[in-house]
């Protein structure tokens, strides 16, 4: 894990501000979602990318009937519907 040497204090509501340099580096815009994960003893923030409701992939995601689905699962479900 790369340390960038930036320390932020947690606000009274548990909030932190991401420095502009990091937001710019990772193309994080106002109102973008951030995913919070735990890896061992670390809290990891990453820009949210929707995942397929069936297989969990985040490649080639489209929205189908208000659900996120990858192209592979969409094609597979359409093939099954045709049978």
N, C-alpha and C. Protein backbone atom coordinates (compact mmCIF):
# COMPACT_ATOMS: atom_id res chain seq x y z
N UNK A 1 0.85 -1.18 0.00
CA UNK A 1 0.00 0.00 0.00
C UNK A 1 0.89 1.24 0.00
N UNK A 2 0.57 2.19 -0.85
CA UNK A 2 1.36 3.41 -0.99
C UNK A 2 0.88 4.47 0.00
N UNK A 3 1.79 5.03 0.78
CA UNK A 3 1.45 6.13 1.69
C UNK A 3 1.69 7.45 0.96
N UNK A 4 0.72 8.37 1.07
CA UNK A 4 0.88 9.66 0.41
C UNK A 4 1.27 10.77 1.39
N UNK A 5 1.41 10.42 2.67
CA UNK A 5 1.89 11.38 3.66
C UNK A 5 0.89 12.44 4.06
N UNK A 6 -0.39 12.18 3.84
CA UNK A 6 -1.43 13.14 4.21
C UNK A 6 -2.19 12.58 5.42
N UNK A 7 -2.32 13.41 6.44
CA UNK A 7 -3.06 13.00 7.64
C UNK A 7 -4.25 13.93 7.79
N UNK A 8 -5.42 13.37 8.03
CA UNK A 8 -6.64 14.15 8.25
C UNK A 8 -7.25 13.73 9.57
N UNK A 9 -7.79 14.69 10.32
CA UNK A 9 -8.48 14.38 11.56
C UNK A 9 -9.95 14.10 11.26
N UNK A 10 -10.50 13.18 12.00
CA UNK A 10 -11.90 12.83 11.87
C UNK A 10 -12.75 13.91 12.52
N UNK A 11 -13.75 14.40 11.80
CA UNK A 11 -14.66 15.41 12.33
C UNK A 11 -15.60 14.81 13.37
N UNK A 12 -16.36 15.65 14.04
CA UNK A 12 -17.23 15.18 15.12
C UNK A 12 -18.34 14.26 14.62
N UNK A 13 -18.68 14.30 13.37
CA UNK A 13 -19.68 13.40 12.81
C UNK A 13 -19.05 12.19 12.13
N UNK A 14 -17.75 12.01 12.30
CA UNK A 14 -17.05 10.88 11.68
C UNK A 14 -16.66 11.13 10.24
N UNK A 15 -16.64 12.38 9.82
CA UNK A 15 -16.34 12.72 8.42
C UNK A 15 -14.87 13.09 8.25
N UNK A 16 -14.37 12.80 7.04
CA UNK A 16 -13.04 13.28 6.64
C UNK A 16 -13.19 13.94 5.27
N UNK A 17 -12.25 14.80 4.95
CA UNK A 17 -12.24 15.44 3.63
C UNK A 17 -11.07 14.87 2.84
N UNK A 18 -11.37 14.39 1.65
CA UNK A 18 -10.30 13.91 0.77
C UNK A 18 -9.64 15.10 0.10
N UNK A 19 -8.33 15.18 0.15
CA UNK A 19 -7.64 16.30 -0.48
C UNK A 19 -7.93 16.37 -1.98
N UNK A 20 -7.95 17.58 -2.50
CA UNK A 20 -8.23 17.81 -3.92
C UNK A 20 -7.28 17.03 -4.81
N UNK A 21 -6.01 16.94 -4.41
CA UNK A 21 -5.03 16.22 -5.23
C UNK A 21 -5.40 14.75 -5.41
N UNK A 22 -5.95 14.13 -4.34
CA UNK A 22 -6.38 12.74 -4.44
C UNK A 22 -7.66 12.60 -5.25
N UNK A 23 -8.60 13.54 -5.05
CA UNK A 23 -9.84 13.49 -5.83
C UNK A 23 -9.54 13.63 -7.31
N UNK A 24 -8.60 14.51 -7.64
CA UNK A 24 -8.23 14.72 -9.04
C UNK A 24 -7.52 13.48 -9.60
N UNK A 25 -6.60 12.92 -8.82
CA UNK A 25 -5.83 11.74 -9.26
C UNK A 25 -6.74 10.56 -9.58
N UNK A 26 -7.79 10.38 -8.76
CA UNK A 26 -8.68 9.23 -8.94
C UNK A 26 -10.01 9.60 -9.62
N UNK A 27 -10.07 10.82 -10.16
CA UNK A 27 -11.25 11.29 -10.90
C UNK A 27 -12.53 11.14 -10.07
N UNK A 28 -12.47 11.58 -8.83
CA UNK A 28 -13.62 11.54 -7.94
C UNK A 28 -14.26 12.93 -7.97
N UNK A 29 -15.52 12.97 -8.39
CA UNK A 29 -16.26 14.22 -8.52
C UNK A 29 -17.28 14.35 -7.39
N UNK A 30 -17.82 15.54 -7.24
CA UNK A 30 -18.87 15.80 -6.26
C UNK A 30 -20.02 14.81 -6.47
N UNK A 31 -20.50 14.23 -5.42
CA UNK A 31 -21.60 13.26 -5.41
C UNK A 31 -21.25 11.87 -5.95
N UNK A 32 -20.00 11.60 -6.30
CA UNK A 32 -19.60 10.25 -6.69
C UNK A 32 -19.69 9.35 -5.46
N UNK A 33 -20.03 8.10 -5.67
CA UNK A 33 -20.08 7.14 -4.58
C UNK A 33 -18.70 6.58 -4.28
N UNK A 34 -18.43 6.34 -3.01
CA UNK A 34 -17.20 5.69 -2.59
C UNK A 34 -17.57 4.39 -1.89
N UNK A 35 -16.87 3.34 -2.23
CA UNK A 35 -17.09 2.04 -1.61
C UNK A 35 -16.12 1.90 -0.44
N UNK A 36 -16.61 1.41 0.68
CA UNK A 36 -15.78 1.21 1.87
C UNK A 36 -15.58 -0.28 2.06
N UNK A 37 -14.31 -0.69 2.12
CA UNK A 37 -13.99 -2.10 2.31
C UNK A 37 -12.99 -2.24 3.45
N UNK A 38 -12.89 -3.44 3.97
CA UNK A 38 -11.91 -3.74 5.02
C UNK A 38 -10.97 -4.80 4.48
N UNK A 39 -9.68 -4.52 4.56
CA UNK A 39 -8.64 -5.49 4.19
C UNK A 39 -7.72 -5.64 5.39
N UNK A 40 -7.89 -6.73 6.11
CA UNK A 40 -7.09 -6.92 7.33
C UNK A 40 -7.43 -5.84 8.34
N UNK A 41 -6.43 -5.07 8.73
CA UNK A 41 -6.62 -3.97 9.69
C UNK A 41 -6.78 -2.62 9.01
N UNK A 42 -7.03 -2.62 7.71
CA UNK A 42 -7.11 -1.37 6.96
C UNK A 42 -8.52 -1.09 6.47
N UNK A 43 -8.89 0.18 6.44
CA UNK A 43 -10.13 0.64 5.82
C UNK A 43 -9.72 1.15 4.44
N UNK A 44 -10.35 0.62 3.40
CA UNK A 44 -9.98 0.97 2.04
C UNK A 44 -11.16 1.67 1.36
N UNK A 45 -10.91 2.86 0.83
CA UNK A 45 -11.91 3.59 0.06
C UNK A 45 -11.59 3.46 -1.42
N UNK A 46 -12.61 3.22 -2.22
CA UNK A 46 -12.41 3.20 -3.67
C UNK A 46 -13.64 3.79 -4.34
N UNK A 47 -13.44 4.33 -5.52
CA UNK A 47 -14.54 4.88 -6.27
C UNK A 47 -15.52 3.76 -6.58
N UNK A 48 -16.79 4.00 -6.32
CA UNK A 48 -17.81 2.97 -6.51
C UNK A 48 -17.99 2.65 -7.99
N UNK A 49 -17.98 1.38 -8.28
CA UNK A 49 -18.29 0.88 -9.62
C UNK A 49 -19.37 -0.19 -9.46
N UNK A 50 -20.51 -0.02 -10.10
CA UNK A 50 -21.58 -1.00 -9.94
C UNK A 50 -21.13 -2.39 -10.36
N UNK A 51 -21.68 -3.41 -9.72
CA UNK A 51 -21.36 -4.81 -10.01
C UNK A 51 -22.62 -5.54 -10.45
N UNK A 52 -22.41 -6.58 -11.22
CA UNK A 52 -23.50 -7.41 -11.71
C UNK A 52 -24.19 -8.10 -10.53
N UNK A 53 -25.51 -8.05 -10.51
CA UNK A 53 -26.28 -8.67 -9.42
C UNK A 53 -26.18 -10.20 -9.45
N UNK A 54 -25.77 -10.77 -10.58
CA UNK A 54 -25.69 -12.23 -10.70
C UNK A 54 -24.30 -12.78 -10.42
N UNK A 55 -23.28 -12.21 -11.07
CA UNK A 55 -21.94 -12.80 -10.94
C UNK A 55 -20.95 -11.92 -10.17
N UNK A 56 -21.30 -10.66 -9.92
CA UNK A 56 -20.41 -9.77 -9.18
C UNK A 56 -19.36 -9.06 -10.01
N UNK A 57 -19.34 -9.32 -11.31
CA UNK A 57 -18.37 -8.66 -12.20
C UNK A 57 -18.67 -7.17 -12.28
N UNK A 58 -17.62 -6.36 -12.53
CA UNK A 58 -17.85 -4.95 -12.78
C UNK A 58 -17.40 -4.55 -14.18
N UNK A 59 -17.36 -5.53 -15.09
CA UNK A 59 -17.00 -5.28 -16.49
C UNK A 59 -18.25 -5.19 -17.35
N UNK A 60 -18.30 -4.20 -18.22
CA UNK A 60 -19.40 -4.04 -19.20
C UNK A 60 -20.77 -4.06 -18.52
N UNK A 61 -20.96 -3.23 -17.52
CA UNK A 61 -22.20 -3.19 -16.75
C UNK A 61 -23.22 -2.29 -17.45
N UNK A 62 -24.45 -2.77 -17.53
CA UNK A 62 -25.57 -1.97 -18.00
C UNK A 62 -26.69 -2.09 -16.98
N UNK A 63 -27.63 -1.18 -17.05
CA UNK A 63 -28.77 -1.23 -16.15
C UNK A 63 -29.93 -1.87 -16.90
N UNK A 64 -30.50 -2.91 -16.32
CA UNK A 64 -31.61 -3.64 -16.93
C UNK A 64 -32.70 -3.80 -15.88
N UNK A 65 -33.86 -3.21 -16.12
CA UNK A 65 -34.97 -3.25 -15.17
C UNK A 65 -34.53 -2.84 -13.77
N UNK A 66 -33.82 -1.70 -13.70
CA UNK A 66 -33.34 -1.10 -12.45
C UNK A 66 -32.29 -1.92 -11.71
N UNK A 67 -31.71 -2.91 -12.36
CA UNK A 67 -30.64 -3.72 -11.76
C UNK A 67 -29.40 -3.61 -12.64
N UNK A 68 -28.23 -3.70 -12.02
CA UNK A 68 -26.97 -3.71 -12.76
C UNK A 68 -26.67 -5.15 -13.18
N UNK A 69 -26.35 -5.33 -14.45
CA UNK A 69 -26.06 -6.66 -14.97
C UNK A 69 -24.96 -6.54 -16.02
N UNK A 70 -24.04 -7.51 -16.01
CA UNK A 70 -22.95 -7.48 -16.99
C UNK A 70 -23.46 -8.04 -18.32
N UNK A 71 -22.76 -7.72 -19.38
CA UNK A 71 -23.16 -8.15 -20.71
C UNK A 71 -23.22 -9.67 -20.82
N UNK A 72 -22.29 -10.37 -20.19
CA UNK A 72 -22.27 -11.83 -20.25
C UNK A 72 -23.52 -12.44 -19.62
N UNK A 73 -23.91 -11.97 -18.43
CA UNK A 73 -25.11 -12.49 -17.78
C UNK A 73 -26.37 -12.10 -18.54
N UNK A 74 -26.40 -10.90 -19.10
CA UNK A 74 -27.55 -10.46 -19.88
C UNK A 74 -27.74 -11.35 -21.10
N UNK A 75 -26.64 -11.62 -21.81
CA UNK A 75 -26.70 -12.49 -22.99
C UNK A 75 -27.14 -13.89 -22.59
N UNK A 76 -26.59 -14.40 -21.50
CA UNK A 76 -26.93 -15.73 -21.02
C UNK A 76 -28.42 -15.83 -20.65
N UNK A 77 -28.94 -14.82 -19.98
CA UNK A 77 -30.35 -14.84 -19.57
C UNK A 77 -31.27 -14.73 -20.79
N UNK A 78 -30.85 -13.96 -21.80
CA UNK A 78 -31.65 -13.85 -23.02
C UNK A 78 -31.67 -15.17 -23.78
N UNK A 79 -30.53 -15.88 -23.79
CA UNK A 79 -30.47 -17.19 -24.44
C UNK A 79 -31.40 -18.18 -23.75
N UNK A 80 -31.39 -18.15 -22.42
CA UNK A 80 -32.24 -19.06 -21.65
C UNK A 80 -33.72 -18.74 -21.88
N UNK A 81 -34.06 -17.49 -22.02
CA UNK A 81 -35.45 -17.08 -22.25
C UNK A 81 -35.93 -17.55 -23.63
N UNK A 82 -35.00 -17.59 -24.59
CA UNK A 82 -35.35 -18.02 -25.94
C UNK A 82 -35.57 -19.52 -26.04
N UNK A 83 -35.02 -20.28 -25.10
CA UNK A 83 -35.12 -21.75 -25.15
C UNK A 83 -36.46 -22.27 -24.68
